[in-house]
Amino acid sequence: MSPRDDQSATDALRDEALAWLVRVQSDAATGEDWSALTDWLEASEQHQAAFEAVEALAAEVSDQAAQIAPRLAPSTGEVLAFRPRPAAPRRGGVIAALAAAAAVLVVSPLAWRAYQGPATTYETGVGQTREIALADGSHIRLNGGSRLTVRLGWRARRVEMAQAEATFDVAKDPSRPFLISVGDQQVRVVGTEFNIRHDGKTVVVSVRRGVVVVRQPALGPAPVARLTVGQALRHVEGTRASQLSTVAPDAAFAWTEGRLVCEDQPLSEIVAALNRRYPTPIRVSEAAGRRRFSGVLDLGDQGLLVDRLSRYMSLSVHRTGGEITLR
């Protein structure tokens, strides 16, 4: 595709996003309009990015409406009637259309944010855990060194998960799916219980109750996996493949009871989990990090844990500069 074709596609997508914005901001907008917009947004990350860009521009236009409006007024003084559902405007009419939308509903960006739900960020320091009770009846337990943002919207409940580990017990609400963006994947549920761990570029989803659907938007709208009780998915961001496995349903939740269940895991991954728990960071050499371990670790005293793990795996322990290194 040539640069000109790329620009044409970008312009067309922007115009489509603008048409949606004008449509839902009109006095004639209905619940079906908002539902249709939600479907359009969820169909593609590009759709959502285009809409957010147009919404940001609309907010800027709203803020400067008093300065912009006189320059857009017809010289004859004639007032044009607003049409609630116009076709996608041409490129030259973007600012005018945004100004018209702002004139119809100046607080529209606030209305859209209310539709999405206010963003609330939760985080924990290393060694901390936190219980979160959401207004919809769902519960989240956040492991140490974790951060995520929640929006409880009218049509969907959304979570943006940064580097974190958390268990989710999602209240059933078929009209509002629970969507978690983590790495380059999206987890979709209605009501279920599961654990997600996001360390570095590794994402692990483990299910204890219900069904979890996992998508990778870059690969298209079709799910890459549907997980049920006792199944887990492991994925590395930027790759196309995901690994499915069978696990003990409670294993991924053991950290909530002070234990870490390891099933043939590389030491580097185990250390990443331990570093959520303890204030003294643990480092591991590249060679040692590739070695695998199966067993149950008691997340009590850090020194005892490190000594036991090192003896079992025949590793040396070096404590210098406020950190522990395993080789």
Protein backbone atom coordinates (compact mmCIF):
# COMPACT_ATOMS: atom_id res chain seq x y z
CA MET A 1 0.00 0.00 0.00
CA SER A 2 1.40 3.41 -0.99
CA PRO A 3 1.75 6.32 1.48
CA ARG A 4 -1.16 8.00 -0.29
CA ASP A 5 -3.33 4.92 0.21
CA ASP A 6 -2.28 4.76 3.87
CA GLN A 7 -3.29 8.39 4.34
CA SER A 8 -6.61 7.80 2.60
CA ALA A 9 -7.33 4.86 4.89
CA THR A 10 -6.41 6.95 7.93
CA ASP A 11 -8.63 9.81 6.77
CA ALA A 12 -11.52 7.44 6.13
CA LEU A 13 -11.21 5.88 9.57
CA ARG A 14 -11.02 9.30 11.21
CA ASP A 15 -14.09 10.46 9.33
CA GLU A 16 -15.94 7.31 10.40
CA ALA A 17 -14.97 7.93 14.03
CA LEU A 18 -16.12 11.53 13.72
CA ALA A 19 -19.47 10.39 12.33
CA TRP A 20 -19.91 8.12 15.34
CA LEU A 21 -19.05 10.97 17.70
CA VAL A 22 -21.58 13.31 16.13
CA ARG A 23 -24.18 10.53 16.08
CA VAL A 24 -24.03 9.70 19.79
CA GLN A 25 -23.80 13.36 20.82
CA SER A 26 -27.05 14.33 19.12
CA ASP A 27 -30.32 14.81 20.97
CA ALA A 28 -31.74 11.94 18.91
CA ALA A 29 -29.12 9.44 20.14
CA THR A 30 -30.60 6.25 21.59
CA GLY A 31 -29.37 3.34 23.64
CA GLU A 32 -29.09 1.36 20.40
CA ASP A 33 -26.73 4.04 19.05
CA TRP A 34 -24.46 3.67 22.07
CA SER A 35 -24.61 -0.11 21.79
CA ALA A 36 -23.69 0.07 18.11
CA LEU A 37 -20.79 2.39 18.95
CA THR A 38 -19.53 -0.09 21.55
CA ASP A 39 -19.59 -2.90 18.96
CA TRP A 40 -17.70 -0.69 16.50
CA LEU A 41 -15.07 0.23 19.09
CA GLU A 42 -14.53 -3.37 20.17
CA ALA A 43 -14.14 -4.56 16.58
CA SER A 44 -10.67 -3.06 16.24
CA GLU A 45 -7.96 -1.33 18.25
CA GLN A 46 -7.64 1.08 15.32
CA HIS A 47 -11.31 2.02 15.75
CA GLN A 48 -10.79 2.83 19.41
CA ALA A 49 -7.61 4.83 18.74
CA ALA A 50 -9.35 6.86 16.02
CA PHE A 51 -12.34 7.56 18.25
CA GLU A 52 -10.14 8.61 21.17
CA ALA A 53 -8.22 10.99 18.89
CA VAL A 54 -11.43 12.56 17.60
CA GLU A 55 -12.85 12.75 21.12
CA ALA A 56 -9.70 14.53 22.33
CA LEU A 57 -10.00 17.03 19.50
CA ALA A 58 -13.69 17.51 20.31
CA ALA A 59 -12.79 18.28 23.92
CA GLU A 60 -10.26 20.87 22.72
CA VAL A 61 -12.85 22.40 20.42
CA SER A 62 -15.35 22.52 23.30
CA ASP A 63 -12.82 24.32 25.47
CA GLN A 64 -12.26 26.92 22.73
CA ALA A 65 -15.83 27.06 21.41
CA ALA A 66 -16.22 30.77 22.16
CA GLN A 67 -13.19 31.62 20.00
CA ILE A 68 -13.99 29.15 17.20
CA ALA A 69 -17.72 29.75 16.75
CA PRO A 70 -17.53 33.32 15.32
CA ARG A 71 -15.10 32.17 12.63
CA LEU A 72 -17.47 29.39 11.58
CA ALA A 73 -20.64 31.52 11.51
CA PRO A 74 -22.10 32.11 7.99
CA SER A 75 -21.54 35.63 6.74
CA THR A 76 -25.29 36.00 6.02
CA GLY A 77 -26.13 35.37 9.64
CA GLU A 78 -28.27 32.40 8.65
CA VAL A 79 -28.37 29.61 11.27
CA LEU A 80 -28.06 26.09 9.89
CA ALA A 81 -30.14 23.34 11.48
CA PHE A 82 -28.12 20.54 13.09
CA ARG A 83 -28.70 17.08 11.67
CA PRO A 84 -28.16 14.33 14.25
CA ARG A 85 -26.83 11.64 11.92
CA PRO A 86 -24.88 13.15 9.06
CA ALA A 87 -22.73 11.13 6.70
CA ALA A 88 -19.03 11.10 7.49
CA PRO A 89 -17.79 14.65 6.82
CA ARG A 90 -15.10 15.44 4.30
CA ARG A 91 -11.65 16.21 5.57
CA GLY A 92 -12.06 19.96 5.23
CA GLY A 93 -15.14 19.92 7.45
CA VAL A 94 -13.66 18.17 10.47
CA ILE A 95 -13.32 21.24 12.69
CA ALA A 96 -16.74 22.54 11.67
CA ALA A 97 -18.37 19.20 12.46
CA LEU A 98 -16.61 19.01 15.80
CA ALA A 99 -17.71 22.54 16.63
CA ALA A 100 -21.29 21.59 15.73
CA ALA A 101 -21.07 18.57 17.98
CA ALA A 102 -19.67 20.71 20.78
CA ALA A 103 -22.49 23.19 20.32
CA VAL A 104 -25.07 20.39 20.58
CA LEU A 105 -23.62 19.00 23.79
CA VAL A 106 -20.70 20.90 25.32
CA VAL A 107 -20.25 18.32 28.05
CA SER A 108 -20.15 15.43 25.60
CA PRO A 109 -16.60 14.33 26.53
CA LEU A 110 -17.83 14.10 30.11
CA ALA A 111 -20.84 12.12 28.93
CA TRP A 112 -18.59 9.69 27.06
CA ARG A 113 -16.35 9.27 30.09
CA ALA A 114 -19.43 8.59 32.19
CA TYR A 115 -20.48 5.99 29.61
CA GLN A 116 -17.07 4.32 29.89
CA GLY A 117 -17.03 4.75 33.67
CA PRO A 118 -14.54 6.71 35.79
CA ALA A 119 -11.01 5.32 35.82
CA THR A 120 -9.82 4.08 39.21
CA THR A 121 -6.24 2.89 39.61
CA TYR A 122 -5.22 0.37 42.26
CA GLU A 123 -1.64 -0.53 43.11
CA THR A 124 0.45 -2.28 45.73
CA GLY A 125 4.06 -2.02 46.80
CA VAL A 126 6.42 -4.97 46.99
CA GLY A 127 5.31 -7.31 49.76
CA GLN A 128 1.81 -5.82 49.95
CA THR A 129 -1.49 -7.40 48.95
CA ARG A 130 -4.83 -5.66 48.60
CA GLU A 131 -8.47 -6.71 48.53
CA ILE A 132 -10.66 -4.70 46.15
CA ALA A 133 -14.46 -4.84 46.16
CA LEU A 134 -15.92 -3.31 42.99
CA ALA A 135 -19.32 -1.63 42.84
CA ASP A 136 -20.66 -4.35 40.49
CA GLY A 137 -20.07 -7.05 43.12
CA SER A 138 -16.80 -8.32 41.63
CA HIS A 139 -13.73 -8.82 43.81
CA ILE A 140 -10.05 -8.47 42.95
CA ARG A 141 -7.10 -9.51 45.09
CA LEU A 142 -3.90 -7.74 44.07
CA ASN A 143 -0.48 -9.28 44.70
CA GLY A 144 2.59 -7.21 45.59
CA GLY A 145 4.22 -4.85 43.10
CA SER A 146 1.06 -4.64 41.00
CA ARG A 147 -0.93 -1.94 39.23
CA LEU A 148 -4.20 -1.96 37.31
CA THR A 149 -6.94 0.49 36.31
CA VAL A 150 -10.67 -0.29 36.39
CA ARG A 151 -13.59 1.34 34.55
CA LEU A 152 -17.13 0.16 35.26
CA GLY A 153 -19.02 1.47 32.24
CA TRP A 154 -22.64 1.28 31.19
CA ARG A 155 -22.06 -1.45 28.61
CA ALA A 156 -18.76 -3.01 29.67
CA ARG A 157 -16.47 -3.39 32.66
CA ARG A 158 -12.84 -2.80 31.68
CA VAL A 159 -9.47 -3.38 33.33
CA GLU A 160 -6.08 -2.20 32.06
CA MET A 161 -3.50 -4.46 33.67
CA ALA A 162 0.10 -3.29 33.88
CA GLN A 163 2.84 -5.37 35.52
CA ALA A 164 0.72 -7.19 38.06
CA GLU A 165 -0.69 -10.38 39.46
CA ALA A 166 -4.31 -10.55 40.56
CA THR A 167 -7.15 -12.95 41.19
CA PHE A 168 -10.57 -11.98 39.83
CA ASP A 169 -13.93 -13.18 41.11
CA VAL A 170 -16.26 -11.56 38.58
CA ALA A 171 -19.94 -10.97 39.33
CA LYS A 172 -22.15 -12.33 36.56
CA ASP A 173 -23.71 -9.63 34.37
CA PRO A 174 -24.42 -10.77 30.77
CA SER A 175 -25.24 -7.21 29.70
CA ARG A 176 -21.79 -5.95 30.77
CA PRO A 177 -18.87 -8.23 29.86
CA PHE A 178 -15.71 -7.95 31.97
CA LEU A 179 -12.76 -7.13 29.68
CA ILE A 180 -9.12 -7.17 30.78
CA SER A 181 -6.39 -5.77 28.56
CA VAL A 182 -3.05 -7.33 29.52
CA GLY A 183 0.01 -7.11 27.32
CA ASP A 184 -1.11 -7.65 23.72
CA GLN A 185 -4.08 -9.81 24.75
CA GLN A 186 -7.64 -9.25 25.95
CA VAL A 187 -9.42 -11.51 28.44
CA ARG A 188 -13.22 -11.53 28.25
CA VAL A 189 -15.57 -13.03 30.86
CA VAL A 190 -19.12 -12.62 32.12
CA GLY A 191 -18.87 -14.24 35.54
CA THR A 192 -16.01 -16.47 36.63
CA GLU A 193 -12.93 -16.79 38.86
CA PHE A 194 -9.39 -16.75 37.52
CA ASN A 195 -5.83 -15.52 38.11
CA ILE A 196 -3.69 -13.42 35.77
CA ARG A 197 0.04 -12.91 36.14
CA HIS A 198 1.83 -10.32 33.99
CA ASP A 199 5.61 -10.34 34.56
CA GLY A 200 7.81 -8.64 31.99
CA LYS A 201 6.38 -9.83 28.69
CA THR A 202 4.91 -13.05 30.01
CA VAL A 203 1.16 -13.35 30.58
CA VAL A 204 -0.34 -16.38 32.36
CA VAL A 205 -4.11 -16.84 32.73
CA SER A 206 -5.39 -19.66 34.99
CA VAL A 207 -9.07 -20.52 35.52
CA ARG A 208 -10.66 -21.86 38.72
CA ARG A 209 -14.35 -21.37 37.83
CA GLY A 210 -16.34 -20.59 34.69
CA VAL A 211 -15.12 -19.87 31.16
CA VAL A 212 -12.53 -17.30 30.06
CA VAL A 213 -12.13 -16.21 26.43
CA VAL A 214 -8.73 -14.87 25.36
CA ARG A 215 -8.22 -12.77 22.22
CA GLN A 216 -5.10 -11.35 20.64
CA PRO A 217 -6.41 -8.31 18.71
CA ALA A 218 -3.43 -8.24 16.34
CA LEU A 219 -4.47 -11.69 15.08
CA GLY A 220 -8.09 -10.71 14.42
CA PRO A 221 -11.39 -10.94 16.30
CA ALA A 222 -11.45 -14.74 16.72
CA PRO A 223 -10.44 -16.04 20.18
CA VAL A 224 -7.04 -17.70 20.52
CA ALA A 225 -8.37 -19.82 23.41
CA ARG A 226 -11.41 -20.61 25.54
CA LEU A 227 -10.28 -21.70 28.98
CA THR A 228 -12.33 -23.71 31.46
CA VAL A 229 -11.70 -24.98 34.99
CA GLY A 230 -8.16 -26.28 35.44
CA GLN A 231 -6.79 -24.80 32.23
CA ALA A 232 -4.07 -22.18 31.84
CA LEU A 233 -2.70 -20.12 28.95
CA ARG A 234 0.86 -18.85 28.80
CA HIS A 235 1.82 -16.18 26.26
CA VAL A 236 4.85 -14.01 25.51
CA GLU A 237 3.98 -10.55 24.17
CA GLY A 238 4.90 -10.00 20.54
CA THR A 239 4.59 -13.67 19.58
CA ARG A 240 1.70 -15.30 17.75
CA ALA A 241 1.57 -18.51 19.75
CA SER A 242 0.10 -19.23 23.17
CA GLN A 243 0.63 -22.42 25.17
CA LEU A 244 -2.32 -24.20 26.77
CA SER A 245 -1.87 -26.53 29.73
CA THR A 246 -3.82 -28.37 32.40
CA VAL A 247 -3.20 -27.23 35.97
CA ALA A 248 -4.59 -27.82 39.44
CA PRO A 249 -7.42 -25.24 39.69
CA ASP A 250 -6.18 -23.86 43.02
CA ALA A 251 -2.46 -23.77 42.15
CA ALA A 252 -2.46 -20.25 40.69
CA PHE A 253 -4.28 -18.97 43.78
CA ALA A 254 -1.78 -20.40 46.28
CA TRP A 255 0.00 -17.04 46.62
CA THR A 256 -3.09 -15.72 48.42
CA GLU A 257 -2.36 -18.30 51.17
CA GLY A 258 1.39 -17.66 51.41
CA ARG A 259 2.57 -20.41 49.06
CA LEU A 260 3.95 -20.52 45.52
CA VAL A 261 3.17 -23.66 43.51
CA CYS A 262 5.71 -24.24 40.73
CA GLU A 263 5.09 -26.76 37.99
CA ASP A 264 8.19 -27.23 35.81
CA GLN A 265 8.76 -23.48 35.66
CA PRO A 266 12.02 -21.71 34.74
CA LEU A 267 13.78 -20.20 37.74
CA SER A 268 13.70 -16.75 36.10
CA GLU A 269 9.89 -16.84 36.20
CA ILE A 270 9.84 -18.07 39.80
CA VAL A 271 12.17 -15.27 40.84
CA ALA A 272 9.91 -12.69 39.17
CA ALA A 273 7.05 -13.96 41.33
CA LEU A 274 9.21 -13.89 44.48
CA ASN A 275 10.23 -10.30 43.79
CA ARG A 276 6.60 -9.25 44.23
CA ARG A 277 6.76 -10.64 47.74
CA TYR A 278 10.06 -9.54 49.23
CA PRO A 279 11.69 -6.11 49.60
CA THR A 280 15.19 -7.44 48.89
CA PRO A 281 15.34 -8.14 45.13
CA ILE A 282 16.53 -11.52 43.91
CA ARG A 283 18.62 -11.71 40.75
CA VAL A 284 19.45 -14.84 38.81
CA SER A 285 22.20 -15.54 36.28
CA GLU A 286 21.13 -16.31 32.73
CA ALA A 287 22.20 -19.95 32.98
CA ALA A 288 20.50 -20.48 36.33
CA GLY A 289 17.38 -18.68 35.12
CA ARG A 290 16.85 -21.32 32.43
CA ARG A 291 16.83 -24.19 34.94
CA ARG A 292 13.37 -25.51 35.83
CA PHE A 293 11.82 -26.29 39.18
CA SER A 294 8.72 -28.09 40.42
CA GLY A 295 7.57 -27.88 44.01
CA VAL A 296 5.80 -25.75 46.60
CA LEU A 297 7.61 -22.79 48.17
CA ASP A 298 6.58 -21.39 51.56
CA LEU A 299 6.48 -17.59 51.18
CA GLY A 300 7.61 -16.95 54.73
CA ASP A 301 11.11 -15.81 55.66
CA GLN A 302 13.00 -14.78 52.51
CA GLY A 303 16.39 -15.95 53.74
CA LEU A 304 15.14 -19.44 54.54
CA LEU A 305 13.35 -19.70 51.20
CA VAL A 306 16.44 -18.65 49.22
CA ASP A 307 18.70 -21.04 51.12
CA ARG A 308 16.34 -24.00 50.61
CA LEU A 309 15.85 -23.23 46.92
CA SER A 310 19.58 -22.83 46.31
CA ARG A 311 20.40 -26.12 48.04
CA TYR A 312 17.73 -28.01 46.11
CA MET A 313 18.96 -26.61 42.77
CA SER A 314 22.68 -26.67 43.71
CA LEU A 315 23.10 -22.90 43.23
CA SER A 316 25.40 -20.47 44.96
CA VAL A 317 23.97 -17.47 46.84
CA HIS A 318 25.64 -14.03 46.81
CA ARG A 319 24.30 -11.23 49.02
CA THR A 320 25.76 -7.86 48.00
CA GLY A 321 24.57 -4.29 47.51
CA GLY A 322 21.13 -4.87 48.98
CA GLU A 323 20.22 -7.72 46.66
CA ILE A 324 20.51 -11.50 46.41
CA THR A 325 22.01 -13.22 43.37
CA LEU A 326 21.59 -16.90 42.51
CA ARG A 327 24.16 -18.51 40.21
